[in-house]
Amino acid sequence: MTSLTRKDADPGHIEMLADDRDGAWLVSTPRLPLDPPPNGSGDAVAALFLAHYLKAFDPAEALEQAAAAIYAIFQTTRRMGTRELQLIAAQDEFVNPSQRFTVTRVR
């Protein structure tokens, strides 16, 4: 689940949740003001999660890596002031993200 906003969460953050038979994991990142809102972010998160999941079959690790990558993409997209996700400009962040976000097990 992406763009999760819980009542008891920090309003300055946005969360993602991954759930499978072994547990559920939550990750929170700062909420970036994106104006205009970018196109394709859900597809990008799905692709990033799947790519990382296929490396180790670990949903917590995949969620952590996907969150770091999409956050970097959003930062780059915001900095460039475009509606299109800046995938090429942020491609190094897919492999070596400059910011990491810790996943928390919630179930």
Protein backbone atom coordinates (compact mmCIF):
# COMPACT_ATOMS: atom_id res chain seq x y z
CA MET A 1 0.00 0.00 0.00
CA THR A 2 1.38 3.39 -0.93
CA SER A 3 0.44 6.90 0.18
CA LEU A 4 -0.78 5.63 3.53
CA THR A 5 -1.89 8.39 5.90
CA ARG A 6 -2.83 7.19 9.37
CA LYS A 7 -4.59 9.37 11.97
CA ASP A 8 -1.89 8.67 14.59
CA ALA A 9 1.08 9.20 12.23
CA ASP A 10 3.20 12.31 11.84
CA PRO A 11 1.33 14.60 9.39
CA GLY A 12 4.65 15.62 7.89
CA HIS A 13 5.27 12.04 6.76
CA ILE A 14 3.68 9.59 4.37
CA GLU A 15 3.88 5.82 4.70
CA MET A 16 3.95 2.61 2.73
CA LEU A 17 2.90 -0.82 3.98
CA ALA A 18 3.80 -4.31 2.79
CA ASP A 19 1.95 -7.34 4.12
CA ASP A 20 2.41 -11.05 3.50
CA ARG A 21 1.73 -14.28 5.37
CA ASP A 22 4.82 -13.78 7.53
CA GLY A 23 4.07 -10.25 8.73
CA ALA A 24 3.43 -6.63 7.87
CA TRP A 25 6.00 -3.85 7.54
CA LEU A 26 5.61 -0.09 7.57
CA VAL A 27 7.99 2.58 6.33
CA SER A 28 7.63 6.34 6.71
CA THR A 29 9.26 9.10 4.67
CA PRO A 30 8.96 12.87 4.87
CA ARG A 31 6.06 14.17 2.80
CA LEU A 32 7.36 16.27 -0.07
CA PRO A 33 5.22 19.06 -1.50
CA LEU A 34 4.95 18.00 -5.14
CA ASP A 35 3.27 20.58 -7.32
CA PRO A 36 2.27 19.51 -9.83
CA PRO A 37 1.75 15.95 -8.58
CA PRO A 38 3.87 13.53 -10.63
CA ASN A 39 2.47 10.93 -13.00
CA GLY A 40 3.28 7.25 -12.57
CA SER A 41 4.46 7.14 -8.98
CA GLY A 42 2.38 4.07 -8.10
CA ASP A 43 3.77 2.19 -11.09
CA ALA A 44 7.29 3.24 -10.15
CA VAL A 45 6.87 2.02 -6.56
CA ALA A 46 5.46 -1.30 -7.79
CA ALA A 47 8.41 -1.79 -10.15
CA LEU A 48 10.97 -0.79 -7.53
CA PHE A 49 9.41 -3.07 -4.90
CA LEU A 50 9.30 -6.02 -7.29
CA ALA A 51 12.88 -5.52 -8.45
CA HIS A 52 14.15 -5.44 -4.86
CA TYR A 53 11.88 -8.29 -3.78
CA LEU A 54 13.22 -10.56 -6.52
CA LYS A 55 16.77 -10.10 -5.20
CA ALA A 56 16.19 -11.65 -1.78
CA PHE A 57 12.47 -12.47 -1.48
CA ASP A 58 12.36 -10.27 1.63
CA PRO A 59 9.35 -7.91 1.67
CA ALA A 60 10.77 -5.75 4.46
CA GLU A 61 14.05 -5.19 2.60
CA ALA A 62 12.17 -4.58 -0.67
CA LEU A 63 9.93 -2.02 1.01
CA GLU A 64 12.90 -0.23 2.57
CA GLN A 65 14.76 -0.08 -0.75
CA ALA A 66 11.67 0.97 -2.72
CA ALA A 67 10.93 3.77 -0.23
CA ALA A 68 14.47 5.13 -0.47
CA ALA A 69 14.43 5.02 -4.26
CA ILE A 70 11.01 6.64 -4.75
CA TYR A 71 11.85 9.33 -2.21
CA ALA A 72 15.00 10.17 -4.19
CA ILE A 73 12.99 10.20 -7.42
CA PHE A 74 10.46 12.55 -5.84
CA GLN A 75 13.22 14.85 -4.58
CA THR A 76 14.78 15.02 -8.04
CA THR A 77 11.40 15.50 -9.72
CA ARG A 78 10.53 18.31 -7.29
CA ARG A 79 13.90 19.99 -7.79
CA MET A 80 13.41 19.91 -11.57
CA GLY A 81 9.83 21.20 -11.27
CA THR A 82 8.30 18.67 -13.64
CA ARG A 83 5.26 16.44 -13.58
CA GLU A 84 7.14 13.51 -15.12
CA LEU A 85 9.13 11.39 -12.71
CA GLN A 86 12.83 12.03 -13.21
CA LEU A 87 13.87 8.38 -13.37
CA ILE A 88 17.02 8.91 -15.43
CA ALA A 89 18.22 11.87 -13.37
CA ALA A 90 17.74 9.84 -10.16
CA GLN A 91 18.95 6.47 -11.48
CA ASP A 92 22.03 6.27 -9.24
CA GLU A 93 19.69 6.44 -6.23
CA PHE A 94 18.11 3.11 -7.24
CA VAL A 95 21.38 1.34 -6.46
CA ASN A 96 22.90 3.54 -3.78
CA PRO A 97 20.25 5.73 -2.13
CA SER A 98 21.56 8.77 -0.30
CA GLN A 99 18.81 8.46 2.32
CA ARG A 100 17.49 5.33 3.96
CA PHE A 101 14.27 4.81 5.88
CA THR A 102 13.85 2.11 8.49
CA VAL A 103 11.08 -0.43 8.13
CA THR A 104 9.08 -1.30 11.24
CA ARG A 105 7.33 -4.62 11.71
CA VAL A 106 3.71 -3.95 12.66
CA ARG A 107 2.37 -7.52 12.63
